[in-house]
Amino acid sequence: MTSLAITDATEEALFVAEPGGYRPTGFALGPWAPEHLHGGPVAALLAREAESFAPEESMRVARLTVELMRPVDLGPISLEARLIRPGRKVQIVEVISRQDGIEVATARALRIRTAHVDLPESARAEQPPFALPETCVAIEASGTQRAFHTQGAELRFVKGAFESPGPAIVWVRLKVPVVLGEMPSPLERVAAAADFGNGVSSPLSFEDWMFINPDLTVHLSRPPAGEWVGLDSHTVAAAQGIGIAESSLWDEKGPIGRAVQSLLIDRLKID
């Protein structure tokens, strides 16, 4: 893990496990309100719970759908998971997160059995058609507010930028663990990275508009290899105040899946 140059950072993780749940840290904060978490850390925590609940070696999460029902703040988070669709080949796990007894986010994970399949050469995945992360320039985040998008994750743009509206291609990796003391799983890495799709590819500026995603759905044909997750993202915005951000997902070996976010679009109030 890459260490952070912040002198008062004593807990370099998105969450700290405590009796009865998890406590978010400043590394999990988002861009829209100073006390609210970024969707990526919340999705990663729910993904961790979904894949670890009643685990079976032959089953893997192929789809994760997260509903961000209310803003999640820095208060303690409790998680409840249950298997709502048991099966030998297909399962569904539901996870509910609460703060002060109120549901703030939920997830449903579709788990599918894994098996060796001898695919024809024509069905095999291609290599990424864009530059790999080691050839890209990282965003300089020193001296900025501690938050997930500035200090909790590293972003390296192939195309576009936060301050440049429009489609973007970016590599993302976690700079801190999801839970203190644990190595993030591939699913946790994807869930955390995929939530950046709307932020990197919106045709609207952060200064004048908000484009919050109340959901995130990730489909995976395979888990990513390595720390980096690539997003090839674009956003479609409509005058009715609704948008869709869609990202094709990659690792350094090839495509791994796709992510879609619904967007609530509105003008920011200028004081």
Protein backbone atom coordinates (compact mmCIF):
# COMPACT_ATOMS: atom_id res chain seq x y z
CA MET A 1 0.00 0.00 0.00
CA THR A 2 1.11 3.55 -0.71
CA SER A 3 1.48 5.51 2.50
CA LEU A 4 -0.02 8.99 2.84
CA ALA A 5 1.92 12.15 3.57
CA ILE A 6 -0.50 13.41 6.23
CA THR A 7 1.02 14.00 9.63
CA ASP A 8 -2.17 13.45 11.66
CA ALA A 9 -3.26 10.27 9.84
CA THR A 10 -3.19 7.60 12.54
CA GLU A 11 -5.66 5.22 10.91
CA GLU A 12 -4.86 4.85 7.22
CA ALA A 13 -7.96 3.00 6.07
CA LEU A 14 -11.47 3.79 4.86
CA PHE A 15 -13.08 2.02 7.84
CA VAL A 16 -12.04 0.69 11.22
CA ALA A 17 -13.72 -2.45 12.55
CA GLU A 18 -15.25 -1.97 15.99
CA PRO A 19 -17.64 -4.05 18.14
CA GLY A 20 -20.96 -4.15 16.33
CA GLY A 21 -19.81 -2.59 13.07
CA TYR A 22 -17.41 -0.19 11.38
CA ARG A 23 -16.33 3.40 11.91
CA PRO A 24 -15.59 5.48 8.79
CA THR A 25 -12.46 7.64 8.66
CA GLY A 26 -11.74 10.87 6.83
CA PHE A 27 -10.29 8.86 3.95
CA ALA A 28 -13.85 7.78 3.05
CA LEU A 29 -15.30 11.29 2.66
CA GLY A 30 -16.79 12.49 -0.63
CA PRO A 31 -16.92 15.72 -2.65
CA TRP A 32 -20.50 16.87 -2.13
CA ALA A 33 -20.73 17.62 1.60
CA PRO A 34 -17.95 17.78 4.22
CA GLU A 35 -19.59 15.20 6.50
CA HIS A 36 -20.84 12.68 3.90
CA LEU A 37 -18.97 9.65 2.58
CA HIS A 38 -18.01 9.00 -1.03
CA GLY A 39 -20.05 6.22 -2.61
CA GLY A 40 -16.96 4.16 -3.47
CA PRO A 41 -15.95 3.31 0.11
CA VAL A 42 -19.56 2.45 1.01
CA ALA A 43 -19.82 0.16 -2.04
CA ALA A 44 -16.51 -1.50 -1.14
CA LEU A 45 -17.62 -2.16 2.44
CA LEU A 46 -20.90 -3.71 1.25
CA ALA A 47 -19.01 -5.77 -1.33
CA ARG A 48 -16.71 -7.09 1.41
CA GLU A 49 -19.71 -8.20 3.47
CA ALA A 50 -21.49 -9.75 0.48
CA GLU A 51 -18.61 -11.95 -0.60
CA SER A 52 -17.60 -12.97 2.94
CA PHE A 53 -21.10 -13.96 4.09
CA ALA A 54 -21.45 -17.78 4.07
CA PRO A 55 -18.60 -18.03 1.54
CA GLU A 56 -18.23 -20.99 -0.81
CA GLU A 57 -14.98 -21.53 -2.68
CA SER A 58 -16.78 -22.30 -5.95
CA MET A 59 -18.97 -19.16 -5.90
CA ARG A 60 -17.96 -15.67 -7.03
CA VAL A 61 -19.80 -12.33 -7.18
CA ALA A 62 -20.74 -11.62 -10.80
CA ARG A 63 -22.99 -8.65 -10.15
CA LEU A 64 -23.12 -6.15 -7.31
CA THR A 65 -25.95 -3.62 -7.08
CA VAL A 66 -25.66 -0.92 -4.42
CA GLU A 67 -28.51 1.42 -3.47
CA LEU A 68 -27.30 4.56 -1.68
CA MET A 69 -30.57 5.32 0.07
CA ARG A 70 -29.43 8.16 2.35
CA PRO A 71 -26.23 10.14 2.86
CA VAL A 72 -23.76 8.11 4.92
CA ASP A 73 -21.84 10.13 7.49
CA LEU A 74 -18.90 9.50 9.83
CA GLY A 75 -21.05 7.71 12.39
CA PRO A 76 -20.74 3.98 13.14
CA ILE A 77 -22.14 1.61 10.49
CA SER A 78 -23.71 -1.75 11.25
CA LEU A 79 -24.15 -4.45 8.60
CA GLU A 80 -26.68 -7.26 8.27
CA ALA A 81 -26.34 -9.91 5.57
CA ARG A 82 -28.57 -12.81 4.55
CA LEU A 83 -28.74 -15.35 1.76
CA ILE A 84 -32.04 -14.64 0.01
CA ARG A 85 -31.50 -17.01 -2.93
CA PRO A 86 -29.57 -20.19 -2.06
CA GLY A 87 -28.40 -22.50 -4.81
CA ARG A 88 -25.59 -24.66 -6.15
CA LYS A 89 -25.01 -22.53 -9.27
CA VAL A 90 -26.63 -19.17 -8.52
CA GLN A 91 -27.02 -17.33 -5.20
CA ILE A 92 -28.09 -13.85 -4.10
CA VAL A 93 -26.82 -12.23 -0.91
CA GLU A 94 -28.49 -9.11 0.48
CA VAL A 95 -26.62 -6.68 2.73
CA ILE A 96 -28.22 -3.84 4.71
CA SER A 97 -26.17 -1.08 6.32
CA ARG A 98 -27.56 1.11 9.10
CA GLN A 99 -26.58 4.18 11.08
CA ASP A 100 -28.48 4.84 14.32
CA GLY A 101 -30.86 2.06 13.30
CA ILE A 102 -31.77 3.71 9.97
CA GLU A 103 -31.04 2.01 6.64
CA VAL A 104 -28.55 4.10 4.68
CA ALA A 105 -27.38 1.73 1.93
CA THR A 106 -28.18 -1.76 0.70
CA ALA A 107 -26.58 -4.18 -1.72
CA ARG A 108 -27.51 -7.32 -3.59
CA ALA A 109 -24.74 -9.57 -4.82
CA LEU A 110 -25.38 -12.20 -7.47
CA ARG A 111 -22.94 -15.08 -6.93
CA ILE A 112 -22.39 -17.60 -9.73
CA ARG A 113 -20.50 -20.87 -9.55
CA THR A 114 -17.08 -20.93 -11.16
CA ALA A 115 -15.86 -23.73 -13.42
CA HIS A 116 -13.13 -24.21 -15.99
CA VAL A 117 -14.51 -23.61 -19.48
CA ASP A 118 -12.30 -24.19 -22.51
CA LEU A 119 -13.26 -21.12 -24.55
CA PRO A 120 -12.43 -20.81 -28.25
CA GLU A 121 -9.75 -18.27 -29.16
CA SER A 122 -12.35 -16.02 -30.78
CA ALA A 123 -14.08 -15.55 -27.41
CA ARG A 124 -10.99 -14.54 -25.47
CA ALA A 125 -10.65 -10.96 -24.23
CA GLU A 126 -8.50 -8.33 -25.89
CA GLN A 127 -5.75 -6.23 -24.33
CA PRO A 128 -6.55 -2.70 -23.09
CA PRO A 129 -6.64 -0.34 -26.11
CA PHE A 130 -5.16 2.53 -24.06
CA ALA A 131 -2.06 3.36 -22.03
CA LEU A 132 -1.30 1.36 -18.88
CA PRO A 133 -1.12 3.10 -15.48
CA GLU A 134 2.67 3.17 -15.19
CA THR A 135 2.86 5.44 -18.26
CA CYS A 136 0.25 7.91 -16.95
CA VAL A 137 0.73 10.85 -14.61
CA ALA A 138 -0.82 10.62 -11.16
CA ILE A 139 -2.94 13.46 -9.81
CA GLU A 140 -1.02 15.46 -7.21
CA ALA A 141 -3.05 15.36 -3.99
CA SER A 142 -0.58 16.64 -1.39
CA GLY A 143 -1.96 19.42 0.76
CA THR A 144 -5.58 18.73 -0.20
CA GLN A 145 -8.46 17.82 2.10
CA ARG A 146 -8.37 14.24 3.24
CA ALA A 147 -11.12 12.40 1.35
CA PHE A 148 -11.48 9.32 -0.78
CA HIS A 149 -11.10 11.11 -4.12
CA THR A 150 -8.01 13.04 -2.97
CA GLN A 151 -6.15 10.85 -0.48
CA GLY A 152 -7.88 7.46 -0.27
CA ALA A 153 -7.39 6.51 -3.91
CA GLU A 154 -4.84 7.22 -6.64
CA LEU A 155 -6.13 8.24 -10.08
CA ARG A 156 -4.05 8.26 -13.25
CA PHE A 157 -5.80 9.72 -16.29
CA VAL A 158 -5.24 8.40 -19.80
CA LYS A 159 -7.86 10.79 -21.19
CA GLY A 160 -9.78 13.62 -19.53
CA ALA A 161 -9.51 15.04 -16.00
CA PHE A 162 -11.73 16.01 -13.07
CA GLU A 163 -11.69 19.63 -14.22
CA SER A 164 -12.22 18.70 -17.90
CA PRO A 165 -15.90 17.86 -18.62
CA GLY A 166 -16.61 14.92 -20.90
CA PRO A 167 -15.65 11.26 -21.39
CA ALA A 168 -12.58 10.00 -19.57
CA ILE A 169 -10.29 7.02 -19.27
CA VAL A 170 -8.67 6.63 -15.88
CA TRP A 171 -6.83 4.04 -13.81
CA VAL A 172 -7.77 3.83 -10.12
CA ARG A 173 -6.23 2.03 -7.18
CA LEU A 174 -6.75 2.15 -3.44
CA LYS A 175 -4.07 3.94 -1.44
CA VAL A 176 -5.41 2.67 1.90
CA PRO A 177 -7.21 -0.55 2.88
CA VAL A 178 -10.99 -0.70 2.96
CA VAL A 179 -10.84 -2.04 6.54
CA LEU A 180 -7.83 -1.30 8.72
CA GLY A 181 -5.40 -4.22 8.87
CA GLU A 182 -6.86 -6.10 5.87
CA MET A 183 -5.70 -6.50 2.29
CA PRO A 184 -8.59 -5.45 -0.02
CA SER A 185 -10.09 -8.20 -2.15
CA PRO A 186 -10.38 -7.78 -5.94
CA LEU A 187 -14.13 -7.20 -5.56
CA GLU A 188 -13.56 -4.46 -2.98
CA ARG A 189 -11.08 -2.77 -5.34
CA VAL A 190 -13.57 -2.83 -8.23
CA ALA A 191 -16.49 -1.56 -6.14
CA ALA A 192 -14.41 1.33 -4.79
CA ALA A 193 -13.08 2.31 -8.23
CA ALA A 194 -16.30 1.91 -10.23
CA ASP A 195 -18.06 4.68 -8.33
CA PHE A 196 -15.69 7.23 -9.92
CA GLY A 197 -17.41 6.89 -13.32
CA ASN A 198 -19.74 9.87 -12.94
CA GLY A 199 -17.10 12.05 -11.31
CA VAL A 200 -14.50 11.66 -14.05
CA SER A 201 -16.79 11.76 -17.11
CA SER A 202 -19.58 14.24 -16.41
CA PRO A 203 -20.19 16.91 -19.08
CA LEU A 204 -21.06 19.27 -16.19
CA SER A 205 -18.68 21.22 -13.97
CA PHE A 206 -18.27 20.59 -10.24
CA GLU A 207 -18.48 24.34 -9.64
CA ASP A 208 -22.03 24.73 -10.98
CA TRP A 209 -23.67 21.31 -10.84
CA MET A 210 -24.11 18.27 -8.66
CA PHE A 211 -24.52 14.84 -10.26
CA ILE A 212 -24.94 12.39 -7.42
CA ASN A 213 -25.41 8.69 -8.06
CA PRO A 214 -28.00 7.04 -5.78
CA ASP A 215 -26.99 3.64 -7.11
CA LEU A 216 -24.13 1.64 -8.60
CA THR A 217 -24.30 -1.65 -10.47
CA VAL A 218 -21.14 -3.56 -11.34
CA HIS A 219 -21.07 -6.63 -13.60
CA LEU A 220 -17.88 -8.71 -13.59
CA SER A 221 -16.85 -11.53 -15.91
CA ARG A 222 -13.75 -12.02 -13.76
CA PRO A 223 -12.08 -10.27 -10.81
CA PRO A 224 -9.28 -7.82 -11.58
CA ALA A 225 -5.66 -8.92 -11.36
CA GLY A 226 -3.45 -6.47 -9.51
CA GLU A 227 -4.18 -3.18 -7.76
CA TRP A 228 -5.26 -1.07 -10.75
CA VAL A 229 -8.81 -0.90 -12.13
CA GLY A 230 -9.33 0.96 -15.41
CA LEU A 231 -12.51 2.92 -16.24
CA ASP A 232 -13.48 4.00 -19.74
CA SER A 233 -16.37 6.25 -18.75
CA HIS A 234 -18.97 8.49 -20.33
CA THR A 235 -22.04 10.26 -18.94
CA VAL A 236 -25.35 11.12 -20.62
CA ALA A 237 -27.31 13.97 -18.99
CA ALA A 238 -30.93 14.88 -19.77
CA ALA A 239 -32.80 18.14 -19.24
CA GLN A 240 -35.19 16.36 -16.85
CA GLY A 241 -32.39 16.26 -14.28
CA ILE A 242 -31.56 12.57 -14.68
CA GLY A 243 -28.38 11.10 -16.10
CA ILE A 244 -26.56 7.82 -16.63
CA ALA A 245 -22.84 7.20 -16.22
CA GLU A 246 -21.50 4.05 -17.84
CA SER A 247 -17.99 2.64 -17.51
CA SER A 248 -16.30 -0.30 -19.15
CA LEU A 249 -13.96 -1.86 -16.59
CA TRP A 250 -10.45 -3.15 -17.24
CA ASP A 251 -7.35 -4.42 -15.56
CA GLU A 252 -3.91 -4.47 -17.13
CA LYS A 253 -4.68 -7.80 -18.82
CA GLY A 254 -7.98 -6.87 -20.48
CA PRO A 255 -11.70 -6.19 -19.93
CA ILE A 256 -13.30 -7.38 -16.71
CA GLY A 257 -16.83 -5.94 -16.76
CA ARG A 258 -19.04 -2.89 -16.76
CA ALA A 259 -20.50 -0.39 -14.28
CA VAL A 260 -23.62 1.80 -14.53
CA GLN A 261 -24.77 4.63 -12.26
CA SER A 262 -28.07 6.52 -12.26
CA LEU A 263 -27.56 10.24 -11.63
CA LEU A 264 -29.55 12.92 -9.82
CA ILE A 265 -28.60 16.17 -11.56
CA ASP A 266 -29.24 19.64 -10.14
CA ARG A 267 -27.69 23.09 -10.09
CA LEU A 268 -25.59 23.96 -7.05
CA LYS A 269 -26.88 26.85 -5.00
CA ILE A 270 -24.53 29.79 -5.16
CA ASP A 271 -24.38 31.89 -1.98
